[in-house]
Protein backbone atom coordinates (compact mmCIF):
# COMPACT_ATOMS: atom_id res chain seq x y z
CA MET A 1 -25.69 61.31 -114.18
CA ALA A 2 -26.71 61.92 -117.57
CA GLU A 3 -29.80 60.77 -118.94
CA GLN A 4 -29.25 57.43 -121.24
CA GLY A 5 -29.08 58.80 -125.02
CA THR A 6 -27.93 62.21 -123.77
CA ALA A 7 -25.07 63.73 -126.43
CA LEU A 8 -22.36 65.57 -124.22
CA GLY A 9 -19.78 67.81 -126.15
CA SER A 10 -16.37 68.34 -125.90
CA ASN A 11 -15.97 70.58 -123.00
CA GLU A 12 -18.28 68.38 -120.81
CA LEU A 13 -16.79 65.19 -121.17
CA MET A 14 -13.37 66.68 -120.64
CA GLU A 15 -14.77 68.15 -117.23
CA LEU A 16 -16.31 64.77 -116.38
CA GLU A 17 -12.80 63.21 -116.73
CA ASN A 18 -10.69 65.77 -115.09
CA LYS A 19 -13.40 65.84 -112.10
CA HIS A 20 -13.86 62.15 -111.84
CA GLY A 21 -10.20 60.56 -112.92
CA ALA A 22 -6.61 60.61 -111.71
CA HIS A 23 -4.63 63.23 -113.56
CA ASN A 24 -2.01 60.76 -114.52
CA TYR A 25 -2.18 61.92 -118.21
CA HIS A 26 -1.81 65.40 -120.16
CA PRO A 27 -4.09 64.87 -123.03
CA LEU A 28 -4.16 67.37 -125.79
CA PRO A 29 -7.84 68.75 -125.42
CA VAL A 30 -9.40 66.58 -128.08
CA VAL A 31 -12.49 64.19 -127.24
CA LEU A 32 -12.44 61.32 -129.76
CA ASP A 33 -15.56 59.30 -130.32
CA ARG A 34 -15.07 56.75 -132.77
CA GLY A 35 -11.78 56.00 -135.91
CA GLU A 36 -11.62 54.20 -138.97
CA GLY A 37 -8.21 53.36 -141.04
CA VAL A 38 -5.93 56.38 -140.60
CA TYR A 39 -8.94 58.76 -139.12
CA VAL A 40 -10.23 59.35 -136.20
CA TRP A 41 -14.01 61.76 -135.34
CA ASP A 42 -14.15 63.74 -132.17
CA VAL A 43 -17.70 64.26 -130.64
CA GLU A 44 -18.36 66.99 -132.46
CA GLY A 45 -17.90 64.95 -135.79
CA LYS A 46 -14.65 66.70 -136.65
CA ARG A 47 -12.28 64.18 -138.69
CA TYR A 48 -8.42 64.02 -138.30
CA TYR A 49 -5.73 62.16 -139.18
CA ASP A 50 -4.31 59.90 -136.12
CA PHE A 51 -0.44 60.40 -136.06
CA LEU A 52 0.35 59.23 -133.00
CA SER A 53 -1.73 55.44 -133.44
CA ALA A 54 -2.35 54.92 -129.78
CA TYR A 55 1.88 55.16 -129.59
CA SER A 56 2.01 52.29 -132.33
CA ALA A 57 -0.92 50.25 -130.95
CA VAL A 58 -2.83 50.49 -134.02
CA ASN A 59 -0.55 50.28 -136.87
CA GLN A 60 -3.24 48.09 -138.49
CA GLY A 61 -5.81 51.08 -138.80
CA HIS A 62 -8.37 52.11 -136.51
CA CYS A 63 -11.24 49.33 -136.24
CA HIS A 64 -9.84 47.07 -139.14
CA PRO A 65 -12.92 45.07 -140.17
CA ARG A 66 -11.03 41.90 -140.13
CA ILE A 67 -9.94 42.31 -136.31
CA ILE A 68 -13.40 43.69 -135.41
CA GLU A 69 -15.00 40.61 -136.76
CA THR A 70 -12.69 38.17 -135.33
CA LEU A 71 -12.89 40.14 -132.03
CA LYS A 72 -16.72 39.68 -131.99
CA GLU A 73 -16.90 36.04 -133.38
CA GLN A 74 -14.86 34.90 -130.35
CA ALA A 75 -16.36 37.08 -127.66
CA GLU A 76 -19.80 35.28 -128.70
CA LYS A 77 -17.94 32.06 -128.03
CA ILE A 78 -15.78 32.36 -124.98
CA THR A 79 -13.52 35.21 -123.43
CA LEU A 80 -11.74 33.79 -120.76
CA THR A 81 -10.90 30.38 -119.11
CA SER A 82 -7.59 31.21 -117.13
CA ARG A 83 -4.70 29.11 -117.43
CA ALA A 84 -6.79 26.66 -114.67
CA PHE A 85 -7.44 25.06 -117.98
CA TYR A 86 -6.46 24.55 -121.75
CA ASN A 87 -8.37 26.41 -123.92
CA SER A 88 -9.08 26.05 -127.82
CA LYS A 89 -7.43 28.95 -129.17
CA LEU A 90 -4.02 29.26 -126.87
CA GLY A 91 -2.14 26.09 -128.58
CA GLU A 92 -3.02 27.23 -131.94
CA TYR A 93 -1.57 30.92 -131.10
CA ASP A 94 1.65 29.65 -129.52
CA LYS A 95 2.38 27.95 -132.40
CA TYR A 96 1.80 30.49 -135.00
CA ILE A 97 3.89 33.34 -133.10
CA THR A 98 6.79 31.26 -132.18
CA GLU A 99 7.00 30.17 -135.73
CA LEU A 100 6.32 33.48 -137.32
CA PHE A 101 9.05 35.05 -135.10
CA GLY A 102 11.52 32.02 -135.10
CA PHE A 103 11.27 30.80 -131.21
CA ASP A 104 10.79 27.93 -129.56
CA LYS A 105 8.56 29.21 -126.63
CA VAL A 106 6.26 32.12 -126.08
CA LEU A 107 4.79 33.44 -122.34
CA PRO A 108 1.57 35.01 -123.32
CA MET A 109 0.67 38.26 -121.32
CA ASN A 110 -1.42 41.50 -121.40
CA THR A 111 0.04 44.83 -121.31
CA GLY A 112 3.56 46.19 -122.52
CA ALA A 113 4.84 46.97 -119.04
CA GLU A 114 3.91 43.35 -117.89
CA ALA A 115 5.83 41.88 -120.45
CA VAL A 116 8.87 43.54 -119.68
CA GLU A 117 8.29 42.65 -116.02
CA THR A 118 8.17 39.14 -117.21
CA ALA A 119 11.18 39.21 -119.23
CA ILE A 120 12.88 40.86 -116.15
CA LYS A 121 12.08 37.75 -114.27
CA ILE A 122 13.00 35.41 -116.76
CA CYS A 123 16.49 36.73 -117.05
CA ARG A 124 17.19 36.86 -113.38
CA LYS A 125 15.91 33.09 -113.12
CA TRP A 126 17.96 31.96 -116.15
CA ALA A 127 20.90 33.66 -114.35
CA GLN A 128 20.75 32.03 -111.34
CA GLU A 129 19.72 28.35 -112.41
CA THR A 130 22.05 28.29 -115.49
CA LYS A 131 25.19 30.35 -114.63
CA GLY A 132 24.78 30.24 -110.46
CA TYR A 133 24.65 33.97 -110.07
CA PRO A 134 23.46 34.72 -106.48
CA GLU A 135 20.32 36.18 -106.37
CA ALA A 136 21.48 39.53 -104.32
CA THR A 137 24.01 40.43 -107.01
CA THR A 138 22.27 39.17 -110.07
CA LYS A 139 22.27 42.52 -112.48
CA ILE A 140 20.51 43.48 -115.81
CA ILE A 141 21.90 46.63 -118.07
CA VAL A 142 19.84 49.00 -119.36
CA ALA A 143 19.86 52.05 -121.24
CA GLU A 144 19.80 55.77 -120.15
CA ASN A 145 16.49 57.42 -121.45
CA ASN A 146 14.88 54.38 -121.74
CA PHE A 147 10.94 53.98 -121.74
CA HIS A 148 9.69 50.21 -120.54
CA GLY A 149 6.62 51.55 -118.94
CA ARG A 150 6.01 52.80 -115.31
CA THR A 151 5.99 49.85 -112.83
CA THR A 152 7.72 50.14 -109.79
CA THR A 153 10.53 47.70 -110.88
CA ILE A 154 11.03 49.76 -114.70
CA ILE A 155 10.38 53.29 -112.78
CA SER A 156 13.25 51.87 -110.68
CA PHE A 157 16.22 52.18 -113.78
CA SER A 158 14.36 54.92 -115.60
CA ASN A 159 15.62 58.66 -115.78
CA ASP A 160 11.87 59.84 -116.12
CA GLU A 161 12.01 61.99 -112.94
CA GLU A 162 8.01 62.55 -113.15
CA ALA A 163 7.46 58.83 -113.13
CA ARG A 164 10.11 58.08 -110.34
CA ARG A 165 10.07 60.81 -107.52
CA GLY A 166 7.80 59.98 -104.65
CA PHE A 167 7.85 56.51 -105.71
CA GLY A 168 11.11 54.70 -104.10
CA PRO A 169 11.93 52.70 -102.35
CA TYR A 170 13.67 51.31 -105.78
CA THR A 171 14.29 48.19 -106.97
CA PRO A 172 18.05 47.25 -107.06
CA GLY A 173 19.95 45.10 -109.88
CA PHE A 174 20.16 47.35 -112.66
CA ILE A 175 23.08 49.20 -114.55
CA LYS A 176 22.32 52.09 -116.67
CA ILE A 177 24.57 53.26 -119.48
CA PRO A 178 24.28 55.38 -122.83
CA TYR A 179 22.33 54.54 -125.21
CA ASP A 180 23.95 53.50 -128.77
CA ASP A 181 27.66 53.64 -126.82
CA ILE A 182 29.29 50.06 -127.59
CA GLY A 183 32.02 51.05 -125.44
CA ALA A 184 29.73 51.49 -122.52
CA LEU A 185 28.06 48.34 -123.05
CA GLU A 186 31.20 46.63 -123.15
CA ALA A 187 32.63 48.21 -119.99
CA ALA A 188 29.15 47.27 -118.25
CA LEU A 189 29.62 43.76 -119.33
CA GLU A 190 32.58 43.24 -117.21
CA ASP A 191 30.69 42.82 -114.32
CA GLU A 192 30.77 38.88 -113.89
CA HIS A 193 27.28 39.05 -112.41
CA VAL A 194 25.47 40.80 -115.79
CA ALA A 195 22.50 38.78 -116.50
CA GLY A 196 21.17 40.73 -119.64
CA PHE A 197 21.05 43.94 -121.35
CA LEU A 198 17.40 45.21 -121.70
CA VAL A 199 17.11 47.71 -124.79
CA GLU A 200 15.04 49.43 -127.19
CA PRO A 201 16.09 48.87 -130.81
CA ILE A 202 14.50 52.69 -131.27
CA GLN A 203 14.11 54.89 -128.27
CA GLY A 204 10.74 56.01 -128.68
CA GLU A 205 9.54 57.91 -126.00
CA ALA A 206 12.91 59.56 -126.08
CA GLY A 207 11.84 61.14 -129.28
CA VAL A 208 12.72 58.69 -131.96
CA VAL A 209 16.63 57.95 -131.23
CA THR A 210 17.83 55.79 -133.86
CA PRO A 211 21.27 54.23 -132.97
CA ALA A 212 23.96 53.81 -135.53
CA ASP A 213 23.54 50.89 -138.21
CA ASP A 214 25.97 48.56 -136.50
CA TYR A 215 24.83 49.12 -132.76
CA LEU A 216 22.36 46.19 -132.56
CA ARG A 217 24.26 43.56 -133.74
CA ARG A 218 27.60 44.49 -131.86
CA THR A 219 25.43 44.29 -128.78
CA ARG A 220 24.06 41.26 -129.60
CA ASP A 221 27.54 39.97 -130.58
CA LEU A 222 28.84 41.76 -127.15
CA CYS A 223 26.31 39.85 -125.31
CA LYS A 224 26.68 36.33 -126.58
CA SER A 225 30.83 36.68 -126.04
CA LYS A 226 29.66 37.35 -122.37
CA GLY A 227 27.04 34.73 -121.79
CA VAL A 228 24.43 37.51 -121.46
CA LEU A 229 20.87 37.68 -122.48
CA PHE A 230 20.34 40.31 -125.27
CA ILE A 231 16.41 41.54 -124.46
CA ALA A 232 14.82 43.32 -127.33
CA ASP A 233 11.94 45.73 -126.25
CA GLU A 234 9.69 45.90 -129.34
CA ILE A 235 6.69 47.00 -128.08
CA GLN A 236 6.49 50.52 -129.99
CA THR A 237 9.05 49.29 -132.61
CA GLY A 238 7.43 45.93 -133.70
CA ILE A 239 4.96 44.52 -135.79
CA ALA A 240 6.18 46.75 -139.03
CA ARG A 241 6.43 50.01 -137.58
CA THR A 242 9.66 50.75 -138.17
CA GLY A 243 9.22 49.16 -142.05
CA SER A 244 10.17 45.65 -141.41
CA LEU A 245 8.46 42.92 -138.85
CA LEU A 246 10.69 43.62 -136.44
CA ALA A 247 13.36 47.00 -135.58
CA VAL A 248 16.03 44.53 -135.19
CA CYS A 249 15.44 43.07 -138.72
CA GLY A 250 17.10 46.42 -140.08
CA ASN A 251 16.24 47.01 -143.46
CA CYS A 252 15.06 43.44 -144.22
CA SER A 253 12.18 43.02 -146.62
CA CYS A 254 11.22 39.88 -145.60
CA GLU A 255 7.55 39.63 -143.57
CA HIS A 256 7.94 35.99 -142.72
CA LYS A 257 9.46 33.36 -140.44
CA CYS A 258 12.70 35.18 -139.07
CA GLU A 259 14.84 32.07 -140.24
CA ARG A 260 14.20 33.31 -143.42
CA GLN A 261 15.41 37.15 -143.28
CA GLU A 262 18.63 38.69 -144.84
CA ALA A 263 21.64 38.94 -143.08
CA THR A 264 20.87 42.02 -141.28
CA TYR A 265 18.56 40.39 -138.81
CA VAL A 266 19.85 40.36 -135.38
CA LYS A 267 18.15 37.56 -133.18
CA PRO A 268 17.77 38.44 -129.73
CA ASP A 269 17.73 35.77 -126.85
CA MET A 270 14.22 37.22 -125.78
CA LEU A 271 11.61 39.63 -127.73
CA ILE A 272 9.12 41.26 -126.15
CA LEU A 273 5.69 42.27 -127.87
CA GLY A 274 2.72 44.33 -127.06
CA LYS A 275 0.57 47.21 -128.52
CA ALA A 276 0.35 46.61 -132.46
CA LEU A 277 0.06 42.49 -131.35
CA SER A 278 -3.86 42.85 -131.40
CA GLY A 279 -4.09 45.91 -133.86
CA GLY A 280 -5.42 48.19 -130.65
CA ALA A 281 -8.54 45.90 -129.86
CA TYR A 282 -7.48 44.11 -127.04
CA PRO A 283 -4.62 44.26 -124.46
CA VAL A 284 -2.10 41.41 -125.79
CA SER A 285 1.34 41.05 -125.25
CA ALA A 286 4.15 38.71 -125.12
CA VAL A 287 7.57 37.32 -124.16
CA LEU A 288 9.54 34.65 -127.05
CA ALA A 289 12.44 32.69 -125.98
CA ASP A 290 14.11 29.65 -127.07
CA ASP A 291 13.74 26.22 -124.91
CA GLU A 292 17.06 26.99 -122.92
CA VAL A 293 15.78 30.57 -121.62
CA MET A 294 12.17 29.72 -121.26
CA ARG A 295 12.82 26.35 -119.42
CA VAL A 296 13.33 28.09 -116.12
CA ILE A 297 9.80 29.10 -116.36
CA LYS A 298 7.86 26.39 -114.81
CA PRO A 299 4.25 26.01 -112.81
CA GLY A 300 3.65 28.71 -110.11
CA THR A 301 6.74 30.78 -111.30
CA HIS A 302 4.28 33.34 -113.18
CA GLY A 303 1.27 33.95 -114.87
CA SER A 304 -1.81 35.89 -115.42
CA THR A 305 -5.55 35.41 -115.39
CA PHE A 306 -6.03 36.98 -118.65
CA GLY A 307 -2.69 36.07 -120.26
CA GLY A 308 -3.24 33.56 -123.03
CA ASN A 309 -7.49 34.03 -122.95
CA PRO A 310 -8.93 33.17 -126.19
CA LEU A 311 -10.30 36.17 -127.15
CA GLY A 312 -6.86 38.23 -127.17
CA VAL A 313 -4.97 35.69 -128.72
CA SER A 314 -7.82 34.93 -131.63
CA VAL A 315 -7.42 38.79 -132.07
CA ALA A 316 -3.70 38.84 -132.02
CA MET A 317 -3.18 36.18 -134.79
CA THR A 318 -5.75 38.16 -137.08
CA ALA A 319 -3.72 41.46 -136.45
CA LEU A 320 -0.95 39.67 -137.24
CA ASP A 321 -2.40 38.15 -140.22
CA VAL A 322 -3.35 41.29 -141.28
CA VAL A 323 0.52 42.80 -141.02
CA ASN A 324 1.26 40.32 -143.62
CA GLU A 325 -1.34 39.90 -145.92
CA GLU A 326 -1.52 43.70 -146.52
CA HIS A 327 2.10 44.40 -146.74
CA LEU A 328 2.25 46.87 -143.96
CA ALA A 329 6.02 46.81 -143.16
CA GLN A 330 6.70 47.51 -146.87
CA ASN A 331 4.15 50.26 -146.96
CA ALA A 332 6.09 51.71 -143.78
CA ARG A 333 9.08 51.79 -145.18
CA ARG A 334 8.24 53.18 -148.32
CA LEU A 335 6.01 56.08 -146.93
CA GLY A 336 8.78 56.48 -144.19
CA GLU A 337 11.32 57.53 -146.51
CA LEU A 338 8.79 59.74 -148.36
CA PHE A 339 7.84 61.57 -145.15
CA ARG A 340 11.44 62.23 -144.11
CA SER A 341 12.58 63.22 -148.04
CA GLU A 342 9.75 65.81 -147.69
CA MET A 343 10.29 66.93 -144.43
CA ASN A 344 14.18 67.26 -145.33
CA LYS A 345 13.09 69.95 -147.95
CA TYR A 346 11.31 71.55 -145.65
CA ILE A 347 13.90 72.02 -142.87
CA GLU A 348 16.41 73.46 -145.59
CA GLU A 349 14.40 76.80 -145.20
CA SER A 350 13.43 76.34 -141.88
CA HIS A 351 14.00 77.99 -138.42
CA ILE A 352 11.65 76.33 -136.24
CA VAL A 353 12.63 72.62 -137.11
CA LYS A 354 16.15 71.05 -136.78
CA LEU A 355 16.00 67.96 -137.77
CA VAL A 356 13.87 64.90 -138.59
CA ARG A 357 14.76 61.44 -137.70
CA GLY A 358 13.40 57.92 -137.75
CA ARG A 359 12.60 54.67 -139.49
CA GLY A 360 9.75 53.55 -141.10
CA LEU A 361 6.49 55.24 -140.23
CA LEU A 362 7.83 56.13 -136.59
CA ASN A 363 9.46 59.45 -137.03
CA ALA A 364 9.96 62.82 -135.03
CA ILE A 365 10.86 66.49 -135.74
CA VAL A 366 13.07 68.18 -133.33
CA ILE A 367 11.68 71.78 -132.65
CA ASN A 368 14.41 74.55 -132.65
CA ASP A 369 13.67 75.80 -128.90
CA SER A 370 14.12 74.78 -125.21
CA PRO A 371 12.81 71.62 -124.07
CA ASP A 372 11.28 73.67 -121.20
CA SER A 373 9.45 75.92 -123.61
CA ASP A 374 5.87 75.26 -124.71
CA THR A 375 6.51 75.32 -128.60
CA ALA A 376 5.97 72.20 -129.65
CA TRP A 377 2.64 71.59 -127.67
CA ASN A 378 1.22 74.85 -129.39
CA ILE A 379 2.42 73.50 -132.54
CA CYS A 380 0.45 70.09 -131.67
CA LEU A 381 -2.83 72.32 -130.87
CA ARG A 382 -2.84 74.20 -134.50
CA LEU A 383 -1.78 70.56 -136.12
CA ARG A 384 -5.05 69.60 -134.28
CA ASP A 385 -6.78 72.57 -135.72
CA HIS A 386 -5.69 71.70 -138.65
CA GLY A 387 -6.93 67.87 -138.48
CA LEU A 388 -3.84 65.98 -137.22
CA LEU A 389 -3.25 64.66 -133.94
CA ALA A 390 0.40 64.23 -132.66
CA LYS A 391 1.83 64.65 -129.24
CA PRO A 392 5.12 66.17 -128.16
CA THR A 393 7.67 64.09 -126.32
CA HIS A 394 10.73 65.43 -124.08
CA GLY A 395 9.56 69.11 -124.53
CA ASN A 396 10.70 69.90 -128.07
CA ILE A 397 10.30 66.69 -129.84
CA ILE A 398 7.00 65.76 -131.70
CA ARG A 399 6.47 62.13 -132.64
CA PHE A 400 4.79 61.19 -135.99
CA ALA A 401 3.57 57.49 -136.06
CA PRO A 402 0.40 57.15 -138.36
CA PRO A 403 -1.63 53.77 -139.22
CA LEU A 404 0.52 51.74 -141.43
CA VAL A 405 -2.30 51.33 -143.60
CA MET A 406 -1.84 55.28 -144.57
CA THR A 407 -1.72 55.74 -148.63
CA GLU A 408 0.69 57.92 -150.69
CA GLU A 409 -2.11 60.28 -151.26
CA GLN A 410 -3.00 60.54 -147.54
CA LEU A 411 0.69 60.94 -146.52
CA LEU A 412 1.36 63.77 -148.51
CA ASP A 413 -1.98 65.40 -147.42
CA CYS A 414 -0.20 65.25 -143.76
CA VAL A 415 2.88 66.60 -145.13
CA SER A 416 1.03 69.35 -146.35
CA ILE A 417 -0.74 69.91 -143.07
CA ILE A 418 2.60 69.93 -140.93
CA LYS A 419 4.23 72.13 -143.41
CA ARG A 420 1.44 74.74 -143.20
CA THR A 421 1.34 74.58 -139.75
CA LEU A 422 5.00 74.83 -139.07
CA ASN A 423 4.96 77.78 -141.25
CA GLU A 424 2.71 79.76 -138.64
CA PHE A 425 5.63 79.41 -136.38
CA GLU A 426 8.61 80.48 -138.48
């Protein structure tokens, strides 16, 4: 055992993790020790731009002082009561988040996968109680290449064989259709036992796949016409990441209550939030719905010891305040347009990059190589060497998602790093 205060280097720390930890991730070889705003530092003190933001969990930047202040203050008062009792913060949070997003009720959870599982349970129970669907035949439509987590139920409708293989038997009750395919959705909705459609407004893990402009609206309208719940998983795309408070808001400039949104807003029947809901300071997730849907949840039907704890909900309220007061949605929209414009200029003369896509500050570049190649991984290693951290997805795609507190000067510096690195592979 290391002595108290002994400083271990990156190699020793990676060796410790590899020896004693389960190998369920394949991290980029860098050992991070602290963070502030858009920057992180490794244990040797080298500074990097963070262009992953913990998969969009730290939209408000690393260790935002207001969020950390709330965390400290509440931690010194009370952290957990369980839902066996009322606590002095949950009611305030319930009112805050439901009014902000325009729903009647919220069911608080901790992690994103928990929230998705919660939404699935609510959808099934709603269909069985409200529409009289038989329990054994109730179905939920999902999109191919989705990523909603890695729990047993979720991997049952995943295309990710690494997450699926060896973990059966799988949970039935799901219909998979191609993403961004209205015809396929229309056909699937002909099944009289479909209860809902669970979908990411933008498929993040699949490589920032952005659908047609009218896809979400047509999806909502189709679901409504069939009496089926439209369930939006905004765990990664929500909380200002795509240039609006939610990705279902389209290019809406409003950051306030959802009933004030412009005509582009597509209100889901259920909204799933997580990640940046707490600014990365504490695990907090939520499922929001109106009374007609949420009333199926009664005492004993669902719960969590930590869900709705006073520490988590206090942090979440401050994290949402920061998004609004610092105009992070507008900043994400403006800088995202600048990023894609600069990358498109590079792509015009590039042989290594095929395209850039995304919305707001959720973007990806597609490397002109096979998904089975290691080119994107090697590019990320060189980006690390040049002081910028990103990670490949689906082999030949590199996702770029910096904290939304980034300035234009910082973004252009990062664009310069990315271009210089890509030039090494042309």
